[in-house]
Protein backbone atom coordinates (compact mmCIF):
# COMPACT_ATOMS: atom_id res chain seq x y z
CA MET A 1 -14.61 15.50 23.67
CA ALA A 2 -11.12 14.26 23.74
CA ILE A 3 -7.92 13.27 25.45
CA LEU A 4 -4.19 13.79 23.66
CA LEU A 5 -1.90 11.49 24.65
CA ILE A 6 1.42 12.16 23.90
CA THR A 7 4.19 9.86 24.10
CA ALA A 8 7.92 10.39 24.43
CA THR A 9 11.46 8.95 24.97
CA VAL A 10 13.71 11.80 25.85
CA THR A 11 17.03 9.50 26.43
CA PRO A 12 16.81 6.40 24.11
CA PRO A 13 19.17 3.46 24.87
CA ARG A 14 22.54 3.61 23.27
CA ASP A 15 21.78 0.54 21.24
CA ALA A 16 18.19 1.36 20.13
CA ILE A 17 17.75 0.16 16.72
CA LYS A 18 16.58 2.08 13.56
CA LEU A 19 17.28 5.38 15.43
CA ALA A 20 19.33 8.19 14.12
CA ARG A 21 17.85 10.99 16.20
CA SER A 22 19.13 9.88 19.56
CA ASN A 23 20.55 13.05 21.05
CA PRO A 24 18.73 13.48 24.18
CA ALA A 25 18.88 17.35 23.89
CA ASP A 26 17.60 17.63 20.41
CA ARG A 27 14.76 14.99 21.19
CA LEU A 28 14.03 17.37 24.10
CA GLY A 29 14.02 20.26 21.84
CA ASP A 30 11.44 18.58 19.30
CA TYR A 31 9.10 17.76 22.20
CA LEU A 32 9.00 21.22 23.51
CA THR A 33 8.20 22.26 19.83
CA ALA A 34 5.60 19.85 19.48
CA PHE A 35 4.22 20.34 22.99
CA ARG A 36 3.84 24.37 22.51
CA PHE A 37 1.80 23.38 19.45
CA TYR A 38 -0.86 20.69 20.92
CA MET A 39 -1.40 22.91 24.29
CA LYS A 40 -2.29 25.90 21.78
CA LYS A 41 -4.95 23.22 20.23
CA MET A 42 -6.27 22.40 23.68
CA ASP A 43 -6.66 25.84 24.60
CA GLN A 44 -8.60 26.49 21.23
CA GLY A 45 -10.87 23.49 22.26
CA VAL A 46 -9.75 20.67 20.14
CA PHE A 47 -9.02 18.51 23.30
CA ASP A 48 -10.25 18.53 26.93
CA SER A 49 -6.95 17.50 28.23
CA ILE A 50 -3.34 16.47 27.53
CA VAL A 51 -1.38 13.70 28.92
CA PHE A 52 2.08 13.78 28.52
CA THR A 53 4.09 10.31 29.13
CA GLU A 54 7.57 9.70 29.03
CA ASN A 55 9.33 6.22 29.39
CA SER A 56 13.33 7.04 30.05
CA ASP A 57 12.81 8.86 33.45
CA SER A 58 14.07 11.79 32.14
CA ASN A 59 13.95 15.42 33.51
CA ILE A 60 11.02 17.10 31.67
CA THR A 61 11.01 20.08 34.13
CA ASP A 62 11.11 22.38 30.89
CA LEU A 63 7.92 21.00 29.77
CA LYS A 64 5.90 21.25 32.83
CA ALA A 65 6.83 24.92 32.89
CA ILE A 66 5.42 25.34 29.63
CA SER A 67 2.24 23.95 30.65
CA LEU A 68 2.06 26.76 33.16
CA SER A 69 0.91 29.12 30.37
CA ALA A 70 -1.98 27.02 29.43
CA LYS A 71 -5.46 28.54 29.72
CA ARG A 72 -6.20 25.30 32.07
CA PRO A 73 -2.90 23.84 33.43
CA MET A 74 -4.71 21.64 35.68
CA ALA A 75 -5.91 19.90 32.65
CA ILE A 76 -2.41 18.66 31.48
CA GLU A 77 -0.85 15.72 33.51
CA PHE A 78 2.67 14.62 33.11
CA ILE A 79 3.79 10.93 33.69
CA SER A 80 7.70 9.91 33.83
CA PHE A 81 8.92 6.64 34.51
CA ASN A 82 11.65 3.83 33.67
CA GLY A 83 9.91 1.91 30.88
CA LEU A 84 13.01 0.86 28.70
CA ASP A 85 13.60 -2.28 30.66
CA TYR A 86 13.47 -4.96 27.81
CA PRO A 87 15.73 -5.88 24.86
CA SER A 88 16.22 -2.81 22.44
CA HIS A 89 16.05 -5.13 19.39
CA TYR A 90 12.47 -5.42 20.17
CA GLY A 91 11.96 -1.97 18.66
CA ARG A 92 10.76 1.34 19.65
CA ALA A 93 7.05 0.58 18.55
CA PHE A 94 6.81 -2.10 21.28
CA GLY A 95 8.34 0.40 23.81
CA GLU A 96 5.93 3.00 22.83
CA MET A 97 2.77 0.19 23.06
CA ARG A 98 4.16 -0.66 26.51
CA LEU A 99 4.45 3.03 27.35
CA ILE A 100 0.59 3.36 26.43
CA ASP A 101 -0.36 0.31 28.45
CA TYR A 102 1.60 1.95 31.37
CA CYS A 103 -0.37 5.25 30.93
CA MET A 104 -3.91 3.45 30.61
CA GLN A 105 -3.41 2.36 33.97
CA ARG A 106 -2.05 5.07 35.68
CA SER A 107 -2.96 8.49 34.19
CA GLU A 108 -5.81 9.97 36.67
CA ILE A 109 -6.89 12.05 33.71
CA ILE A 110 -7.60 8.93 31.54
CA ARG A 111 -8.99 6.71 34.38
CA SER A 112 -11.57 9.70 35.35
CA ALA A 113 -12.98 9.67 31.81
CA THR A 114 -16.04 7.94 30.53
CA ALA A 115 -15.76 4.71 28.53
CA ASP A 116 -16.96 6.72 25.53
CA GLU A 117 -13.86 9.02 25.76
CA ILE A 118 -11.83 9.13 22.69
CA ILE A 119 -7.90 9.02 23.39
CA TRP A 120 -5.73 10.29 20.68
CA LYS A 121 -2.07 9.31 20.74
CA VAL A 122 0.49 11.21 19.03
CA THR A 123 4.31 10.33 18.97
CA GLY A 124 5.46 13.17 20.48
CA ARG A 125 8.26 14.76 18.51
CA TYR A 126 5.71 14.98 15.72
CA ILE A 127 3.38 17.83 14.79
CA ILE A 128 0.26 16.78 13.23
CA GLU A 129 -0.73 19.87 11.36
CA ASN A 130 -4.17 19.31 10.51
CA ILE A 131 -5.01 17.40 13.79
CA ASP A 132 -8.10 19.42 14.58
CA ARG A 133 -9.86 18.28 11.45
CA LEU A 134 -8.98 14.81 12.16
CA VAL A 135 -10.35 14.98 15.41
CA LEU A 136 -13.35 16.82 15.09
CA HIS A 137 -14.76 15.32 12.01
CA THR A 138 -14.07 11.96 12.47
CA ARG A 139 -17.11 9.64 13.30
CA LYS A 140 -17.32 7.57 16.22
CA ALA A 141 -15.25 4.18 16.46
CA ASP A 142 -13.62 1.95 18.53
CA LEU A 143 -10.07 2.35 16.76
CA TYR A 144 -8.73 4.96 14.33
CA CYS A 145 -5.51 4.89 12.24
CA GLN A 146 -4.43 5.49 8.81
CA CYS A 147 -3.72 2.47 6.79
CA ARG A 148 -2.03 2.07 3.25
CA ASP A 149 -1.60 -0.92 0.54
CA PHE A 150 1.05 0.30 -1.27
CA PRO A 151 3.84 -0.28 -1.61
CA MET A 152 2.93 -3.02 1.08
CA PRO A 153 0.10 -3.16 3.64
CA TRP A 154 0.94 -0.88 6.60
CA ALA A 155 -0.52 1.15 9.26
CA ASP A 156 1.03 4.31 10.53
CA MET A 157 1.48 4.33 14.20
CA TYR A 158 2.60 7.93 14.91
CA PHE A 159 -1.37 8.94 15.16
CA ILE A 160 -3.99 6.55 16.52
CA GLY A 161 -6.86 6.81 18.74
CA TRP A 162 -9.35 4.59 20.49
CA LYS A 163 -12.43 4.49 22.56
CA LYS A 164 -11.40 4.39 26.27
CA GLY A 165 -13.68 1.47 26.58
CA ALA A 166 -12.72 -0.41 23.88
CA PHE A 167 -8.83 -0.26 24.69
CA ALA A 168 -8.79 -3.90 26.12
CA THR A 169 -9.95 -5.48 23.13
CA THR A 170 -8.13 -3.17 20.63
CA LEU A 171 -4.59 -2.27 21.74
CA SER A 172 -4.13 -3.63 25.14
CA GLY A 173 -0.96 -5.82 25.09
CA ALA A 174 -0.43 -5.32 21.35
CA GLY A 175 3.47 -4.56 21.98
CA GLU A 176 4.23 -8.38 22.14
CA ARG A 177 2.34 -8.73 18.67
CA ILE A 178 4.30 -6.00 16.76
CA ARG A 179 7.50 -6.12 18.28
CA GLU A 180 10.49 -6.43 15.91
CA GLY A 181 12.21 -9.76 15.28
CA ARG A 182 8.96 -11.63 16.27
CA ALA A 183 8.10 -12.09 12.53
CA SER A 184 9.94 -11.17 9.32
CA VAL A 185 8.08 -7.87 9.10
CA SER A 186 8.13 -4.43 10.40
CA SER A 187 6.21 -3.33 13.44
CA GLU A 188 3.95 -1.32 11.07
CA VAL A 189 3.24 -4.23 8.70
CA GLU A 190 2.12 -6.38 11.77
CA PHE A 191 0.15 -3.54 13.17
CA ARG A 192 -1.82 -3.46 10.10
CA ARG A 193 -2.38 -7.20 10.34
CA LEU A 194 -3.87 -6.33 13.80
CA ILE A 195 -5.89 -3.54 12.52
CA ASP A 196 -7.36 -5.65 9.72
CA GLU A 197 -8.25 -8.48 12.29
CA LYS A 198 -9.79 -6.14 14.89
CA ALA A 199 -11.84 -4.45 11.89
CA THR A 200 -13.74 -7.89 11.56
CA THR A 201 -15.36 -7.78 14.95
CA LEU A 202 -15.20 -3.91 15.95
CA ASN A 203 -15.88 -0.50 14.65
CA VAL A 204 -12.29 0.44 13.21
CA THR A 205 -11.82 3.58 11.02
CA ARG A 206 -8.84 2.32 9.01
CA ARG A 207 -8.40 5.57 7.07
CA PHE A 208 -9.01 9.30 7.87
CA ARG A 209 -11.18 11.73 5.86
CA GLU A 210 -7.78 13.27 4.92
CA PRO A 211 -4.19 12.06 5.55
CA PRO A 212 -2.42 13.45 8.65
CA TYR A 213 -0.30 16.16 7.41
CA MET A 214 3.16 15.77 9.77
CA SER A 215 5.78 18.07 10.33
CA GLY A 216 8.95 17.53 12.30
CA ILE A 217 12.28 15.36 12.17
CA ARG A 218 12.09 11.98 11.54
CA GLY A 219 13.78 9.54 14.15
CA TYR A 220 14.91 6.76 11.56
CA ASP A 221 17.10 8.91 9.56
CA ASN A 222 17.22 12.61 10.75
CA ARG A 223 15.17 13.84 7.68
CA ARG A 224 12.57 16.54 7.91
CA TYR A 225 8.95 15.22 7.10
CA GLU A 226 8.43 18.65 5.25
CA LYS A 227 10.35 17.55 2.56
CA GLN A 228 7.85 14.82 1.67
CA LYS A 229 5.17 17.35 0.95
CA VAL A 230 4.68 16.06 -2.27
CA LYS A 231 3.92 12.56 -1.05
CA LEU A 232 1.32 14.25 1.55
CA TRP A 233 -0.13 16.06 -0.99
CA LEU A 234 -0.54 12.82 -3.50
CA ARG A 235 -2.21 11.13 -0.64
CA GLY A 236 -4.55 14.02 0.12
CA THR A 237 -5.57 14.31 -3.36
CA LEU A 238 -6.27 10.46 -3.83
CA ALA A 239 -8.20 10.29 -0.61
CA ARG A 240 -10.81 12.98 -2.02
CA LEU A 241 -10.70 11.94 -6.01
CA ALA A 242 -9.91 8.29 -5.70
CA PRO A 243 -10.76 7.06 -1.98
CA TRP A 244 -10.59 3.36 -2.67
CA ILE A 245 -6.40 3.82 -3.28
CA TRP A 246 -4.85 3.58 -0.17
CA ILE A 247 -1.16 5.00 -0.37
């Protein structure tokens, strides 16, 4: 079926850019809450396994303890390493892409998966409330993401997916392409350009049947995503009634 790859940075660099939620205790609490949610989804059969990958080499004992209550604790893998050895002004998207590259090479669960296995990446502090519908009702593709055209061309990076066998031609090494400062645009805008380029030669799903409904506390400004329910409702409504409008 599918593998869920949860990315995490419990202890971000002190000089991390565009980051208000930087307290490690607060961030660990966010990861614990989201991990319980996704572990329940695995128990319900939405995913075959979970790979939790953390790149600040922090203590994740509490997460490992929670995993023991899963129906199949052996289907959960933890990877923690020091992956923040890069200039902080490259941005968090760069670091997450490096984390994904590292995990794709070293995760035993992912390495043992078939080439057709779909890997779903979620930024680990966030909960995608409708993740079961997004995962179970998605047509087969090489790459999955949610793109928007307004107010600017943009690709959301908190929830993306890819076929394991297509990773080398879709996202491998993408961190250098999307890092902050490389161009006069944000990582998400550059990621959208990358997605559009891939769509010319690969099978790319650039819109889900419904938008991901996310809850949690945004790292950029410490605001809760729940306060944006009206925006998410509008996106969902337009996805049904006017799917050609990407907002």
